[in-house]
Amino acid sequence: GGILFTTEERLPMGRLVEVAVNWPVRLDGACQLQ
C-alpha cells in the first residue's frame, strides 16, 4: 500500500509523486527490473 523513502527536501503533502526503484531481484535471474 505504500513506500517510505528519504528525500532531498520536504515533498508537498497531497501531491502525486512517481517513484522508481531498481528492484533487488532480477527477472529469470538475468533481467534487471524497476
All heavy atoms as atom14 arrays in JSON, in Angstrom:
{
  "sequence": "GGILFTTEERLPMGRLVEVAVNWPVRLDGACQLQ",
  "atom14_mask": [
    [1, 1, 1, 1, 0, 0, 0, 0, 0, 0, 0, 0, 0, 0],
    [1, 1, 1, 1, 0, 0, 0, 0, 0, 0, 0, 0, 0, 0],
    [1, 1, 1, 1, 1, 1, 1, 1, 0, 0, 0, 0, 0, 0],
    [1, 1, 1, 1, 1, 1, 1, 1, 0, 0, 0, 0, 0, 0],
    [1, 1, 1, 1, 1, 1, 1, 1, 1, 1, 1, 0, 0, 0],
    [1, 1, 1, 1, 1, 1, 1, 0, 0, 0, 0, 0, 0, 0],
    [1, 1, 1, 1, 1, 1, 1, 0, 0, 0, 0, 0, 0, 0],
    [1, 1, 1, 1, 1, 1, 1, 1, 1, 0, 0, 0, 0, 0],
    [1, 1, 1, 1, 1, 1, 1, 1, 1, 0, 0, 0, 0, 0],
    [1, 1, 1, 1, 1, 1, 1, 1, 1, 1, 1, 0, 0, 0],
    [1, 1, 1, 1, 1, 1, 1, 1, 0, 0, 0, 0, 0, 0],
    [1, 1, 1, 1, 1, 1, 1, 0, 0, 0, 0, 0, 0, 0],
    [1, 1, 1, 1, 1, 1, 1, 1, 0, 0, 0, 0, 0, 0],
    [1, 1, 1, 1, 0, 0, 0, 0, 0, 0, 0, 0, 0, 0],
    [1, 1, 1, 1, 1, 1, 1, 1, 1, 1, 1, 0, 0, 0],
    [1, 1, 1, 1, 1, 1, 1, 1, 0, 0, 0, 0, 0, 0],
    [1, 1, 1, 1, 1, 1, 1, 0, 0, 0, 0, 0, 0, 0],
    [1, 1, 1, 1, 1, 1, 1, 1, 1, 0, 0, 0, 0, 0],
    [1, 1, 1, 1, 1, 1, 1, 0, 0, 0, 0, 0, 0, 0],
    [1, 1, 1, 1, 1, 0, 0, 0, 0, 0, 0, 0, 0, 0],
    [1, 1, 1, 1, 1, 1, 1, 0, 0, 0, 0, 0, 0, 0],
    [1, 1, 1, 1, 1, 1, 1, 1, 0, 0, 0, 0, 0, 0],
    [1, 1, 1, 1, 1, 1, 1, 1, 1, 1, 1, 1, 1, 1],
    [1, 1, 1, 1, 1, 1, 1, 0, 0, 0, 0, 0, 0, 0],
    [1, 1, 1, 1, 1, 1, 1, 0, 0, 0, 0, 0, 0, 0],
    [1, 1, 1, 1, 1, 1, 1, 1, 1, 1, 1, 0, 0, 0],
    [1, 1, 1, 1, 1, 1, 1, 1, 0, 0, 0, 0, 0, 0],
    [1, 1, 1, 1, 1, 1, 1, 1, 0, 0, 0, 0, 0, 0],
    [1, 1, 1, 1, 0, 0, 0, 0, 0, 0, 0, 0, 0, 0],
    [1, 1, 1, 1, 1, 0, 0, 0, 0, 0, 0, 0, 0, 0],
    [1, 1, 1, 1, 1, 1, 0, 0, 0, 0, 0, 0, 0, 0],
    [1, 1, 1, 1, 1, 1, 1, 1, 1, 0, 0, 0, 0, 0],
    [1, 1, 1, 1, 1, 1, 1, 1, 0, 0, 0, 0, 0, 0],
    [1, 1, 1, 1, 1, 1, 1, 1, 1, 0, 0, 0, 0, 0]
  ],
  "atom14_positions": [
    [[0.77, -1.23, 0.0], [0.0, 0.0, 0.0], [0.8, 1.28, 0.0], [0.26, 2.36, -0.2], [0.0, 0.0, 0.0], [0.0, 0.0, 0.0], [0.0, 0.0, 0.0], [0.0, 0.0, 0.0], [0.0, 0.0, 0.0], [0.0, 0.0, 0.0], [0.0, 0.0, 0.0], [0.0, 0.0, 0.0], [0.0, 0.0, 0.0], [0.0, 0.0, 0.0]],
    [[2.13, 1.18, 0.22], [2.89, 2.42, 0.29], [4.39, 2.21, 0.32], [4.88, 1.08, 0.37], [0.0, 0.0, 0.0], [0.0, 0.0, 0.0], [0.0, 0.0, 0.0], [0.0, 0.0, 0.0], [0.0, 0.0, 0.0], [0.0, 0.0, 0.0], [0.0, 0.0, 0.0], [0.0, 0.0, 0.0], [0.0, 0.0, 0.0], [0.0, 0.0, 0.0]],
    [[5.1, 3.32, 0.29], [6.56, 3.31, 0.29], [7.04, 4.49, 1.13], [6.5, 5.59, 1.04], [7.11, 3.36, -1.15], [8.64, 3.33, -1.17], [6.58, 4.56, -1.91], [9.23, 3.13, -2.57], [0.0, 0.0, 0.0], [0.0, 0.0, 0.0], [0.0, 0.0, 0.0], [0.0, 0.0, 0.0], [0.0, 0.0, 0.0], [0.0, 0.0, 0.0]],
    [[8.05, 4.24, 1.95], [8.7, 5.28, 2.74], [10.12, 5.41, 2.23], [10.81, 4.41, 2.05], [8.7, 4.89, 4.23], [9.44, 5.82, 5.19], [8.74, 7.18, 5.27], [9.52, 5.19, 6.58], [0.0, 0.0, 0.0], [0.0, 0.0, 0.0], [0.0, 0.0, 0.0], [0.0, 0.0, 0.0], [0.0, 0.0, 0.0], [0.0, 0.0, 0.0]],
    [[10.55, 6.63, 1.96], [11.88, 6.84, 1.39], [12.45, 8.17, 1.83], [11.73, 9.06, 2.25], [11.85, 6.75, -0.15], [10.91, 7.71, -0.81], [11.37, 8.92, -1.33], [9.56, 7.41, -0.94], [10.5, 9.8, -1.95], [8.69, 8.29, -1.57], [9.16, 9.48, -2.07], [0.0, 0.0, 0.0], [0.0, 0.0, 0.0], [0.0, 0.0, 0.0]],
    [[13.79, 8.27, 1.72], [14.45, 9.53, 2.05], [14.32, 10.48, 0.86], [14.19, 10.05, -0.29], [15.94, 9.34, 2.39], [16.63, 8.84, 1.24], [16.12, 8.39, 3.57], [0.0, 0.0, 0.0], [0.0, 0.0, 0.0], [0.0, 0.0, 0.0], [0.0, 0.0, 0.0], [0.0, 0.0, 0.0], [0.0, 0.0, 0.0], [0.0, 0.0, 0.0]],
    [[14.35, 11.78, 1.17], [14.21, 12.8, 0.13], [15.3, 13.85, 0.3], [15.92, 13.96, 1.35], [12.84, 13.5, 0.22], [12.71, 14.09, 1.51], [11.7, 12.51, 0.0], [0.0, 0.0, 0.0], [0.0, 0.0, 0.0], [0.0, 0.0, 0.0], [0.0, 0.0, 0.0], [0.0, 0.0, 0.0], [0.0, 0.0, 0.0], [0.0, 0.0, 0.0]],
    [[15.52, 14.62, -0.74], [16.47, 15.71, -0.67], [15.88, 16.93, 0.02], [16.6, 17.76, 0.55], [16.96, 16.07, -2.08], [17.75, 14.94, -2.72], [18.16, 15.22, -4.15], [17.64, 16.18, -4.77], [19.0, 14.47, -4.65], [0.0, 0.0, 0.0], [0.0, 0.0, 0.0], [0.0, 0.0, 0.0], [0.0, 0.0, 0.0], [0.0, 0.0, 0.0]],
    [[14.57, 17.05, -0.01], [13.85, 18.13, 0.68], [12.41, 17.7, 0.92], [11.97, 16.68, 0.4], [13.92, 19.43, -0.11], [13.4, 19.32, -1.52], [13.78, 20.55, -2.33], [14.92, 21.01, -2.27], [12.88, 21.05, -3.01], [0.0, 0.0, 0.0], [0.0, 0.0, 0.0], [0.0, 0.0, 0.0], [0.0, 0.0, 0.0], [0.0, 0.0, 0.0]],
    [[11.69, 18.46, 1.69], [10.31, 18.11, 2.03], [9.45, 18.09, 0.77], [9.47, 19.03, -0.03], [9.74, 19.14, 3.01], [8.32, 18.8, 3.47], [7.77, 19.87, 4.39], [8.53, 19.98, 5.62], [8.27, 19.33, 6.75], [7.23, 18.53, 6.8], [9.02, 19.51, 7.81], [0.0, 0.0, 0.0], [0.0, 0.0, 0.0], [0.0, 0.0, 0.0]],
    [[8.67, 17.01, 0.6], [7.74, 16.92, -0.52], [6.4, 17.5, -0.11], [6.0, 17.38, 1.05], [7.57, 15.46, -0.96], [8.82, 14.78, -1.51], [8.49, 13.37, -1.98], [9.44, 15.57, -2.64], [0.0, 0.0, 0.0], [0.0, 0.0, 0.0], [0.0, 0.0, 0.0], [0.0, 0.0, 0.0], [0.0, 0.0, 0.0], [0.0, 0.0, 0.0]],
    [[5.68, 18.11, -1.04], [4.39, 18.72, -0.7], [3.31, 17.67, -0.4], [3.12, 16.73, -1.18], [4.04, 19.55, -1.94], [4.87, 18.97, -3.05], [6.07, 18.35, -2.43], [0.0, 0.0, 0.0], [0.0, 0.0, 0.0], [0.0, 0.0, 0.0], [0.0, 0.0, 0.0], [0.0, 0.0, 0.0], [0.0, 0.0, 0.0], [0.0, 0.0, 0.0]],
    [[2.64, 17.83, 0.72], [1.57, 16.92, 1.13], [0.46, 16.88, 0.09], [0.1, 17.91, -0.48], [0.98, 17.38, 2.47], [1.89, 17.17, 3.65], [2.06, 15.44, 4.08], [0.4, 15.07, 4.6], [0.0, 0.0, 0.0], [0.0, 0.0, 0.0], [0.0, 0.0, 0.0], [0.0, 0.0, 0.0], [0.0, 0.0, 0.0], [0.0, 0.0, 0.0]],
    [[-0.08, 15.69, -0.13], [-1.22, 15.53, -1.01], [-0.9, 15.48, -2.49], [-1.77, 15.18, -3.3], [0.0, 0.0, 0.0], [0.0, 0.0, 0.0], [0.0, 0.0, 0.0], [0.0, 0.0, 0.0], [0.0, 0.0, 0.0], [0.0, 0.0, 0.0], [0.0, 0.0, 0.0], [0.0, 0.0, 0.0], [0.0, 0.0, 0.0], [0.0, 0.0, 0.0]],
    [[0.34, 15.79, -2.85], [0.7, 15.82, -4.28], [0.98, 14.41, -4.79], [1.41, 13.53, -4.05], [1.95, 16.68, -4.5], [1.77, 18.14, -4.16], [0.68, 18.82, -4.98], [0.94, 18.81, -6.4], [1.53, 19.78, -7.08], [1.88, 20.9, -6.47], [1.74, 19.67, -8.36], [0.0, 0.0, 0.0], [0.0, 0.0, 0.0], [0.0, 0.0, 0.0]],
    [[0.75, 14.21, -6.09], [1.09, 12.94, -6.72], [2.58, 12.9, -7.01], [3.17, 13.89, -7.47], [0.32, 12.76, -8.04], [-1.13, 12.36, -7.93], [-1.74, 12.2, -9.32], [-1.31, 11.08, -7.13], [0.0, 0.0, 0.0], [0.0, 0.0, 0.0], [0.0, 0.0, 0.0], [0.0, 0.0, 0.0], [0.0, 0.0, 0.0], [0.0, 0.0, 0.0]],
    [[3.18, 11.75, -6.71], [4.61, 11.54, -6.91], [4.81, 10.22, -7.63], [4.12, 9.24, -7.36], [5.34, 11.5, -5.54], [6.81, 11.17, -5.71], [5.19, 12.82, -4.81], [0.0, 0.0, 0.0], [0.0, 0.0, 0.0], [0.0, 0.0, 0.0], [0.0, 0.0, 0.0], [0.0, 0.0, 0.0], [0.0, 0.0, 0.0], [0.0, 0.0, 0.0]],
    [[5.75, 10.21, -8.57], [6.17, 8.96, -9.2], [7.5, 8.56, -8.57], [8.4, 9.4, -8.45], [6.35, 9.14, -10.7], [6.81, 7.87, -11.39], [7.08, 8.09, -12.87], [8.13, 8.68, -13.18], [6.23, 7.67, -13.68], [0.0, 0.0, 0.0], [0.0, 0.0, 0.0], [0.0, 0.0, 0.0], [0.0, 0.0, 0.0], [0.0, 0.0, 0.0]],
    [[7.6, 7.3, -8.16], [8.85, 6.79, -7.58], [9.31, 5.6, -8.41], [8.49, 4.79, -8.85], [8.7, 6.4, -6.09], [8.42, 7.6, -5.24], [7.63, 5.36, -5.9], [0.0, 0.0, 0.0], [0.0, 0.0, 0.0], [0.0, 0.0, 0.0], [0.0, 0.0, 0.0], [0.0, 0.0, 0.0], [0.0, 0.0, 0.0], [0.0, 0.0, 0.0]],
    [[10.61, 5.51, -8.64], [11.19, 4.4, -9.39], [12.32, 3.8, -8.57], [13.23, 4.5, -8.13], [11.72, 4.89, -10.74], [0.0, 0.0, 0.0], [0.0, 0.0, 0.0], [0.0, 0.0, 0.0], [0.0, 0.0, 0.0], [0.0, 0.0, 0.0], [0.0, 0.0, 0.0], [0.0, 0.0, 0.0], [0.0, 0.0, 0.0], [0.0, 0.0, 0.0]],
    [[12.25, 2.49, -8.35], [13.21, 1.77, -7.53], [13.8, 0.63, -8.35], [13.05, -0.16, -8.95], [12.53, 1.16, -6.27], [13.53, 0.41, -5.42], [11.83, 2.24, -5.47], [0.0, 0.0, 0.0], [0.0, 0.0, 0.0], [0.0, 0.0, 0.0], [0.0, 0.0, 0.0], [0.0, 0.0, 0.0], [0.0, 0.0, 0.0], [0.0, 0.0, 0.0]],
    [[15.14, 0.52, -8.39], [15.76, -0.64, -9.01], [15.48, -1.83, -8.1], [15.9, -1.86, -6.95], [17.26, -0.45, -9.2], [17.56, 0.54, -10.3], [16.81, 0.68, -11.25], [18.66, 1.24, -10.17], [0.0, 0.0, 0.0], [0.0, 0.0, 0.0], [0.0, 0.0, 0.0], [0.0, 0.0, 0.0], [0.0, 0.0, 0.0], [0.0, 0.0, 0.0]],
    [[14.73, -2.81, -8.61], [14.28, -3.93, -7.79], [15.46, -4.86, -7.5], [16.28, -5.11, -8.38], [13.17, -4.68, -8.53], [12.3, -5.47, -7.62], [12.14, -6.82, -7.64], [11.47, -4.98, -6.57], [11.27, -7.19, -6.66], [10.84, -6.08, -5.98], [11.22, -3.7, -6.06], [9.96, -5.96, -4.91], [10.34, -3.57, -5.0], [9.72, -4.7, -4.43]],
    [[15.56, -5.35, -6.26], [16.73, -6.15, -5.87], [16.77, -7.55, -6.46], [17.79, -8.22, -6.38], [16.62, -6.21, -4.34], [15.19, -5.98, -4.04], [14.67, -5.09, -5.13], [0.0, 0.0, 0.0], [0.0, 0.0, 0.0], [0.0, 0.0, 0.0], [0.0, 0.0, 0.0], [0.0, 0.0, 0.0], [0.0, 0.0, 0.0], [0.0, 0.0, 0.0]],
    [[15.68, -8.01, -7.09], [15.64, -9.35, -7.67], [15.51, -9.21, -9.18], [14.72, -8.41, -9.67], [14.45, -10.16, -7.1], [14.38, -11.54, -7.72], [14.54, -10.24, -5.6], [0.0, 0.0, 0.0], [0.0, 0.0, 0.0], [0.0, 0.0, 0.0], [0.0, 0.0, 0.0], [0.0, 0.0, 0.0], [0.0, 0.0, 0.0], [0.0, 0.0, 0.0]],
    [[16.28, -10.01, -9.92], [16.24, -9.97, -11.38], [15.22, -10.97, -11.92], [15.05, -12.04, -11.36], [17.62, -10.27, -11.96], [18.63, -9.2, -11.64], [19.99, -9.57, -12.22], [20.95, -8.53, -11.93], [21.23, -7.52, -12.76], [20.61, -7.43, -13.91], [22.1, -6.62, -12.44], [0.0, 0.0, 0.0], [0.0, 0.0, 0.0], [0.0, 0.0, 0.0]],
    [[14.56, -10.59, -13.02], [13.62, -11.46, -13.71], [14.39, -12.61, -14.34], [15.36, -12.37, -15.07], [12.84, -10.68, -14.77], [11.82, -11.45, -15.59], [10.71, -12.0, -14.67], [11.22, -10.57, -16.66], [0.0, 0.0, 0.0], [0.0, 0.0, 0.0], [0.0, 0.0, 0.0], [0.0, 0.0, 0.0], [0.0, 0.0, 0.0], [0.0, 0.0, 0.0]],
    [[14.01, -13.84, -14.06], [14.7, -15.04, -14.56], [16.18, -15.02, -14.22], [17.01, -15.58, -14.95], [14.5, -15.2, -16.07], [13.04, -15.44, -16.44], [12.32, -16.07, -15.63], [12.63, -15.01, -17.53], [0.0, 0.0, 0.0], [0.0, 0.0, 0.0], [0.0, 0.0, 0.0], [0.0, 0.0, 0.0], [0.0, 0.0, 0.0], [0.0, 0.0, 0.0]],
    [[16.55, -14.33, -13.16], [17.94, -14.27, -12.73], [18.84, -13.42, -13.59], [20.04, -13.31, -13.33], [0.0, 0.0, 0.0], [0.0, 0.0, 0.0], [0.0, 0.0, 0.0], [0.0, 0.0, 0.0], [0.0, 0.0, 0.0], [0.0, 0.0, 0.0], [0.0, 0.0, 0.0], [0.0, 0.0, 0.0], [0.0, 0.0, 0.0], [0.0, 0.0, 0.0]],
    [[18.3, -12.79, -14.63], [19.16, -12.06, -15.56], [18.7, -10.63, -15.86], [19.52, -9.73, -16.0], [19.26, -12.83, -16.88], [0.0, 0.0, 0.0], [0.0, 0.0, 0.0], [0.0, 0.0, 0.0], [0.0, 0.0, 0.0], [0.0, 0.0, 0.0], [0.0, 0.0, 0.0], [0.0, 0.0, 0.0], [0.0, 0.0, 0.0], [0.0, 0.0, 0.0]],
    [[17.4, -10.42, -15.97], [16.87, -9.12, -16.42], [16.59, -8.19, -15.24], [15.81, -8.54, -14.34], [15.59, -9.36, -17.22], [14.87, -7.85, -17.9], [0.0, 0.0, 0.0], [0.0, 0.0, 0.0], [0.0, 0.0, 0.0], [0.0, 0.0, 0.0], [0.0, 0.0, 0.0], [0.0, 0.0, 0.0], [0.0, 0.0, 0.0], [0.0, 0.0, 0.0]],
    [[17.23, -7.02, -15.23], [17.02, -6.03, -14.18], [15.6, -5.48, -14.24], [15.12, -5.13, -15.31], [18.01, -4.86, -14.34], [17.84, -3.75, -13.34], [18.23, -4.15, -11.93], [19.28, -4.72, -11.73], [17.39, -3.85, -10.97], [0.0, 0.0, 0.0], [0.0, 0.0, 0.0], [0.0, 0.0, 0.0], [0.0, 0.0, 0.0], [0.0, 0.0, 0.0]],
    [[14.93, -5.46, -13.11], [13.58, -4.92, -13.03], [13.58, -3.58, -12.33], [14.43, -3.33, -11.46], [12.66, -5.86, -12.24], [12.27, -7.16, -12.9], [11.52, -8.04, -11.9], [11.42, -6.91, -14.12], [0.0, 0.0, 0.0], [0.0, 0.0, 0.0], [0.0, 0.0, 0.0], [0.0, 0.0, 0.0], [0.0, 0.0, 0.0], [0.0, 0.0, 0.0]],
    [[12.64, -2.73, -12.69], [12.45, -1.47, -11.99], [10.99, -1.39, -11.55], [10.08, -1.62, -12.34], [12.79, -0.29, -12.9], [12.81, 1.02, -12.15], [13.33, 2.15, -13.01], [12.75, 2.47, -14.04], [14.42, 2.74, -12.59], [0.0, 0.0, 0.0], [0.0, 0.0, 0.0], [0.0, 0.0, 0.0], [0.0, 0.0, 0.0], [0.0, 0.0, 0.0]]
  ]
}
